């Protein structure tokens, strides 16, 4: 006799909750805007995806779940007027978000150290751009540094690829003579 695990379709549950909250809002029982409901639902679903990615060892779920979660946090804060987000901050935040996603890949498997290279590069560039947008650094100085040193990122990324290939290559030494 086979046992079938009952799986809950979480997307369906999220749609029911989302629709119920919007209906309550339309009937003027509670004053809720679309964005105040939508972004938390997306955050919850993406966290479930990240958790499943860690449990199943699936890097794609971890990476894209992290990206969706962090964008959801960004837009939720904007929708509840906690951040003054202009178009200029989205580009800087994108660098930080993708850097954090690569960092999460490294957290999944510490042996995959090569994920730290794009994590540090993207996170550092994003932090520098955010610092310039918030007035901590001169915008032009940050642009000059990025314009001057971006090939260093290519060098580090290429070296990481070569070292990764060598570390994972099978031993090619000839067998010992008996």
C-alpha atoms as a PDB file:
ATOM      1  CA  UNK A   1       0.000   0.000   0.000  1.00  0.00           C
ATOM      2  CA  UNK A   2       1.488   3.294  -1.059  1.00  0.00           C
ATOM      3  CA  UNK A   3       1.373   6.332   1.110  1.00  0.00           C
ATOM      4  CA  UNK A   4       0.849   9.620  -0.630  1.00  0.00           C
ATOM      5  CA  UNK A   5       1.886  12.690   1.241  1.00  0.00           C
ATOM      6  CA  UNK A   6      -0.736  15.384   1.215  1.00  0.00           C
ATOM      7  CA  UNK A   7       0.903  18.467  -0.129  1.00  0.00           C
ATOM      8  CA  UNK A   8      -0.619  21.842   0.471  1.00  0.00           C
ATOM      9  CA  UNK A   9      -0.574  24.106  -2.586  1.00  0.00           C
ATOM     10  CA  UNK A  10       0.846  27.166  -0.861  1.00  0.00           C
ATOM     11  CA  UNK A  11       0.205  29.390  -3.823  1.00  0.00           C
ATOM     12  CA  UNK A  12      -3.506  28.553  -3.556  1.00  0.00           C
ATOM     13  CA  UNK A  13      -3.505  29.339   0.157  1.00  0.00           C
ATOM     14  CA  UNK A  14      -1.766  32.646  -0.558  1.00  0.00           C
ATOM     15  CA  UNK A  15      -4.362  33.520  -3.210  1.00  0.00           C
ATOM     16  CA  UNK A  16      -7.200  32.801  -0.793  1.00  0.00           C
ATOM     17  CA  UNK A  17      -5.660  34.972   1.938  1.00  0.00           C
ATOM     18  CA  UNK A  18      -4.811  37.723  -0.523  1.00  0.00           C
ATOM     19  CA  UNK A  19      -8.326  37.725  -1.985  1.00  0.00           C
ATOM     20  CA  UNK A  20      -9.929  37.719   1.476  1.00  0.00           C
ATOM     21  CA  UNK A  21      -7.860  40.710   2.592  1.00  0.00           C
ATOM     22  CA  UNK A  22      -8.698  42.627  -0.575  1.00  0.00           C
ATOM     23  CA  UNK A  23     -12.406  41.814  -0.180  1.00  0.00           C
ATOM     24  CA  UNK A  24     -12.376  43.016   3.438  1.00  0.00           C
ATOM     25  CA  UNK A  25     -10.697  46.192   2.230  1.00  0.00           C
ATOM     26  CA  UNK A  26     -13.243  46.712  -0.575  1.00  0.00           C
ATOM     27  CA  UNK A  27     -16.091  46.301   1.914  1.00  0.00           C
ATOM     28  CA  UNK A  28     -14.473  49.023   4.058  1.00  0.00           C
ATOM     29  CA  UNK A  29     -14.021  46.836   7.131  1.00  0.00           C
ATOM     30  CA  UNK A  30     -10.287  47.469   7.156  1.00  0.00           C
ATOM     31  CA  UNK A  31      -8.267  50.038   5.259  1.00  0.00           C
ATOM     32  CA  UNK A  32      -5.538  48.095   3.451  1.00  0.00           C
ATOM     33  CA  UNK A  33      -3.878  48.941   0.179  1.00  0.00           C
ATOM     34  CA  UNK A  34      -2.963  46.398  -2.476  1.00  0.00           C
ATOM     35  CA  UNK A  35       0.779  46.881  -1.940  1.00  0.00           C
ATOM     36  CA  UNK A  36       0.554  46.385   1.818  1.00  0.00           C
ATOM     37  CA  UNK A  37      -0.873  42.914   1.189  1.00  0.00           C
ATOM     38  CA  UNK A  38       0.883  41.916  -2.023  1.00  0.00           C
ATOM     39  CA  UNK A  39       4.505  42.416  -0.942  1.00  0.00           C
ATOM     40  CA  UNK A  40       4.225  40.491   2.366  1.00  0.00           C
ATOM     41  CA  UNK A  41       2.599  37.586   0.497  1.00  0.00           C
ATOM     42  CA  UNK A  42       5.417  37.602  -2.054  1.00  0.00           C
ATOM     43  CA  UNK A  43       7.953  37.787   0.799  1.00  0.00           C
ATOM     44  CA  UNK A  44       6.384  34.783   2.509  1.00  0.00           C
ATOM     45  CA  UNK A  45       6.257  32.704  -0.670  1.00  0.00           C
ATOM     46  CA  UNK A  46       9.854  33.538  -1.553  1.00  0.00           C
ATOM     47  CA  UNK A  47      11.028  32.614   1.962  1.00  0.00           C
ATOM     48  CA  UNK A  48       9.273  29.274   1.590  1.00  0.00           C
ATOM     49  CA  UNK A  49      11.113  28.850  -1.719  1.00  0.00           C
ATOM     50  CA  UNK A  50      14.461  29.672  -0.130  1.00  0.00           C
ATOM     51  CA  UNK A  51      13.778  27.224   2.697  1.00  0.00           C
ATOM     52  CA  UNK A  52      12.893  24.494   0.218  1.00  0.00           C
ATOM     53  CA  UNK A  53      16.006  25.327  -1.769  1.00  0.00           C
ATOM     54  CA  UNK A  54      18.188  24.826   1.302  1.00  0.00           C
ATOM     55  CA  UNK A  55      16.358  21.616   2.212  1.00  0.00           C
ATOM     56  CA  UNK A  56      16.653  20.164  -1.290  1.00  0.00           C
ATOM     57  CA  UNK A  57      20.074  21.605  -2.110  1.00  0.00           C
ATOM     58  CA  UNK A  58      18.683  23.471  -5.121  1.00  0.00           C
ATOM     59  CA  UNK A  59      20.753  26.552  -5.826  1.00  0.00           C
ATOM     60  CA  UNK A  60      18.270  28.094  -8.258  1.00  0.00           C
ATOM     61  CA  UNK A  61      15.527  28.224  -5.634  1.00  0.00           C
ATOM     62  CA  UNK A  62      17.918  29.737  -3.120  1.00  0.00           C
ATOM     63  CA  UNK A  63      19.228  32.385  -5.523  1.00  0.00           C
ATOM     64  CA  UNK A  64      15.926  33.504  -7.047  1.00  0.00           C
ATOM     65  CA  UNK A  65      14.018  33.179  -3.775  1.00  0.00           C
ATOM     66  CA  UNK A  66      16.543  35.502  -2.133  1.00  0.00           C
ATOM     67  CA  UNK A  67      16.306  37.999  -4.990  1.00  0.00           C
ATOM     68  CA  UNK A  68      12.493  38.028  -4.899  1.00  0.00           C
ATOM     69  CA  UNK A  69      12.443  38.283  -1.099  1.00  0.00           C
ATOM     70  CA  UNK A  70      14.818  41.252  -0.991  1.00  0.00           C
ATOM     71  CA  UNK A  71      13.003  43.095  -3.785  1.00  0.00           C
ATOM     72  CA  UNK A  72       9.753  42.475  -1.898  1.00  0.00           C
ATOM     73  CA  UNK A  73      11.238  43.997   1.256  1.00  0.00           C
ATOM     74  CA  UNK A  74      12.440  46.967  -0.785  1.00  0.00           C
ATOM     75  CA  UNK A  75       9.033  47.609  -2.366  1.00  0.00           C
ATOM     76  CA  UNK A  76       7.118  46.947   0.860  1.00  0.00           C
ATOM     77  CA  UNK A  77       9.139  49.615   2.645  1.00  0.00           C
ATOM     78  CA  UNK A  78       8.429  51.955  -0.245  1.00  0.00           C
ATOM     79  CA  UNK A  79       4.695  51.201  -0.202  1.00  0.00           C
ATOM     80  CA  UNK A  80       4.325  51.900   3.520  1.00  0.00           C
ATOM     81  CA  UNK A  81       6.338  55.116   3.149  1.00  0.00           C
ATOM     82  CA  UNK A  82       9.250  53.998   5.320  1.00  0.00           C
ATOM     83  CA  UNK A  83      11.850  54.792   2.663  1.00  0.00           C
ATOM     84  CA  UNK A  84      12.083  57.634   0.230  1.00  0.00           C
ATOM     85  CA  UNK A  85      12.916  55.453  -2.733  1.00  0.00           C
ATOM     86  CA  UNK A  86      13.661  57.104  -6.013  1.00  0.00           C
ATOM     87  CA  UNK A  87      14.640  55.494  -9.262  1.00  0.00           C
ATOM     88  CA  UNK A  88      18.285  56.117  -8.452  1.00  0.00           C
ATOM     89  CA  UNK A  89      18.207  53.826  -5.377  1.00  0.00           C
ATOM     90  CA  UNK A  90      16.800  50.827  -7.246  1.00  0.00           C
ATOM     91  CA  UNK A  91      19.981  50.411  -9.308  1.00  0.00           C
ATOM     92  CA  UNK A  92      22.247  50.561  -6.258  1.00  0.00           C
ATOM     93  CA  UNK A  93      19.948  48.223  -4.350  1.00  0.00           C
ATOM     94  CA  UNK A  94      19.980  45.753  -7.236  1.00  0.00           C
ATOM     95  CA  UNK A  95      23.739  45.332  -6.846  1.00  0.00           C
ATOM     96  CA  UNK A  96      23.320  44.681  -3.116  1.00  0.00           C
ATOM     97  CA  UNK A  97      20.414  42.278  -3.672  1.00  0.00           C
ATOM     98  CA  UNK A  98      22.311  40.158  -6.193  1.00  0.00           C
ATOM     99  CA  UNK A  99      25.388  40.210  -3.960  1.00  0.00           C
ATOM    100  CA  UNK A 100      23.250  38.903  -1.101  1.00  0.00           C
ATOM    101  CA  UNK A 101      21.829  36.177  -3.358  1.00  0.00           C
ATOM    102  CA  UNK A 102      25.347  34.964  -4.226  1.00  0.00           C
ATOM    103  CA  UNK A 103      26.204  35.075  -0.512  1.00  0.00           C
ATOM    104  CA  UNK A 104      23.207  32.828   0.202  1.00  0.00           C
ATOM    105  CA  UNK A 105      24.543  30.348  -2.361  1.00  0.00           C
ATOM    106  CA  UNK A 106      27.802  30.263  -0.426  1.00  0.00           C
ATOM    107  CA  UNK A 107      25.868  29.742   2.818  1.00  0.00           C
ATOM    108  CA  UNK A 108      24.222  26.691   1.235  1.00  0.00           C
ATOM    109  CA  UNK A 109      27.588  24.999   0.683  1.00  0.00           C
ATOM    110  CA  UNK A 110      30.697  26.527   2.243  1.00  0.00           C
ATOM    111  CA  UNK A 111      32.888  24.576  -0.162  1.00  0.00           C
ATOM    112  CA  UNK A 112      31.510  26.733  -2.994  1.00  0.00           C
ATOM    113  CA  UNK A 113      33.759  29.632  -1.960  1.00  0.00           C
ATOM    114  CA  UNK A 114      33.787  30.970  -5.534  1.00  0.00           C
ATOM    115  CA  UNK A 115      30.277  32.368  -4.892  1.00  0.00           C
ATOM    116  CA  UNK A 116      31.904  34.816  -2.499  1.00  0.00           C
ATOM    117  CA  UNK A 117      33.671  36.599  -5.380  1.00  0.00           C
ATOM    118  CA  UNK A 118      30.489  37.967  -7.026  1.00  0.00           C
ATOM    119  CA  UNK A 119      28.893  38.386  -3.580  1.00  0.00           C
ATOM    120  CA  UNK A 120      31.682  40.678  -2.407  1.00  0.00           C
ATOM    121  CA  UNK A 121      32.044  42.500  -5.728  1.00  0.00           C
ATOM    122  CA  UNK A 122      28.334  43.146  -6.274  1.00  0.00           C
ATOM    123  CA  UNK A 123      27.683  43.891  -2.618  1.00  0.00           C
ATOM    124  CA  UNK A 124      30.641  46.267  -2.439  1.00  0.00           C
ATOM    125  CA  UNK A 125      29.699  48.155  -5.594  1.00  0.00           C
ATOM    126  CA  UNK A 126      26.089  48.359  -4.443  1.00  0.00           C
ATOM    127  CA  UNK A 127      27.102  49.582  -0.991  1.00  0.00           C
ATOM    128  CA  UNK A 128      29.341  52.234  -2.569  1.00  0.00           C
ATOM    129  CA  UNK A 129      26.516  53.417  -4.844  1.00  0.00           C
ATOM    130  CA  UNK A 130      24.063  53.452  -1.929  1.00  0.00           C
ATOM    131  CA  UNK A 131      26.601  55.413   0.108  1.00  0.00           C
ATOM    132  CA  UNK A 132      26.928  57.950  -2.684  1.00  0.00           C
ATOM    133  CA  UNK A 133      23.149  58.258  -3.072  1.00  0.00           C
ATOM    134  CA  UNK A 134      22.749  58.798   0.675  1.00  0.00           C
ATOM    135  CA  UNK A 135      25.463  61.450   0.725  1.00  0.00           C
ATOM    136  CA  UNK A 136      28.314  59.557   2.383  1.00  0.00           C
ATOM    137  CA  UNK A 137      30.521  59.514  -0.720  1.00  0.00           C
ATOM    138  CA  UNK A 138      30.809  61.706  -3.763  1.00  0.00           C
ATOM    139  CA  UNK A 139      28.823  60.194  -6.607  1.00  0.00           C
ATOM    140  CA  UNK A 140      31.526  61.053  -9.136  1.00  0.00           C
ATOM    141  CA  UNK A 141      34.297  59.516  -7.037  1.00  0.00           C
ATOM    142  CA  UNK A 142      32.386  56.246  -6.760  1.00  0.00           C
ATOM    143  CA  UNK A 143      31.808  56.234 -10.515  1.00  0.00           C
ATOM    144  CA  UNK A 144      35.512  56.913 -11.151  1.00  0.00           C
ATOM    145  CA  UNK A 145      36.576  54.062  -8.851  1.00  0.00           C
ATOM    146  CA  UNK A 146      34.123  51.626 -10.462  1.00  0.00           C
ATOM    147  CA  UNK A 147      35.138  52.767 -13.957  1.00  0.00           C
ATOM    148  CA  UNK A 148      38.826  52.285 -13.113  1.00  0.00           C
ATOM    149  CA  UNK A 149      38.686  48.984 -11.224  1.00  0.00           C
ATOM    150  CA  UNK A 150      35.887  46.992 -12.897  1.00  0.00           C
ATOM    151  CA  UNK A 151      38.429  44.794 -14.777  1.00  0.00           C
ATOM    152  CA  UNK A 152      39.633  43.588 -11.361  1.00  0.00           C
ATOM    153  CA  UNK A 153      36.228  41.929 -10.976  1.00  0.00           C
ATOM    154  CA  UNK A 154      36.762  40.037 -14.223  1.00  0.00           C
ATOM    155  CA  UNK A 155      40.218  38.936 -13.087  1.00  0.00           C
ATOM    156  CA  UNK A 156      38.929  37.698  -9.721  1.00  0.00           C
ATOM    157  CA  UNK A 157      35.938  35.962 -11.269  1.00  0.00           C
ATOM    158  CA  UNK A 158      38.138  34.225 -13.873  1.00  0.00           C
ATOM    159  CA  UNK A 159      40.663  33.153 -11.233  1.00  0.00           C
ATOM    160  CA  UNK A 160      37.824  31.752  -9.156  1.00  0.00           C
ATOM    161  CA  UNK A 161      36.549  29.745 -12.122  1.00  0.00           C
ATOM    162  CA  UNK A 162      40.022  28.318 -12.802  1.00  0.00           C
ATOM    163  CA  UNK A 163      40.640  27.437  -9.160  1.00  0.00           C
ATOM    164  CA  UNK A 164      37.181  25.891  -8.859  1.00  0.00           C
ATOM    165  CA  UNK A 165      37.829  23.721 -11.914  1.00  0.00           C
ATOM    166  CA  UNK A 166      41.178  22.564 -10.526  1.00  0.00           C
ATOM    167  CA  UNK A 167      39.752  21.786  -7.099  1.00  0.00           C
ATOM    168  CA  UNK A 168      36.922  19.679  -8.539  1.00  0.00           C
ATOM    169  CA  UNK A 169      38.998  17.915 -11.235  1.00  0.00           C
ATOM    170  CA  UNK A 170      39.744  14.234 -10.622  1.00  0.00           C
ATOM    171  CA  UNK A 171      43.335  13.321  -9.841  1.00  0.00           C
ATOM    172  CA  UNK A 172      45.156  12.738 -13.156  1.00  0.00           C
ATOM    173  CA  UNK A 173      48.284  11.176 -11.687  1.00  0.00           C
ATOM    174  CA  UNK A 174      49.423   7.891 -13.267  1.00  0.00           C
ATOM    175  CA  UNK A 175      48.811   4.708 -11.271  1.00  0.00           C
ATOM    176  CA  UNK A 176      51.687   3.459  -9.132  1.00  0.00           C
ATOM    177  CA  UNK A 177      53.751   0.597 -10.548  1.00  0.00           C
ATOM    178  CA  UNK A 178      53.657  -2.654  -8.588  1.00  0.00           C
END
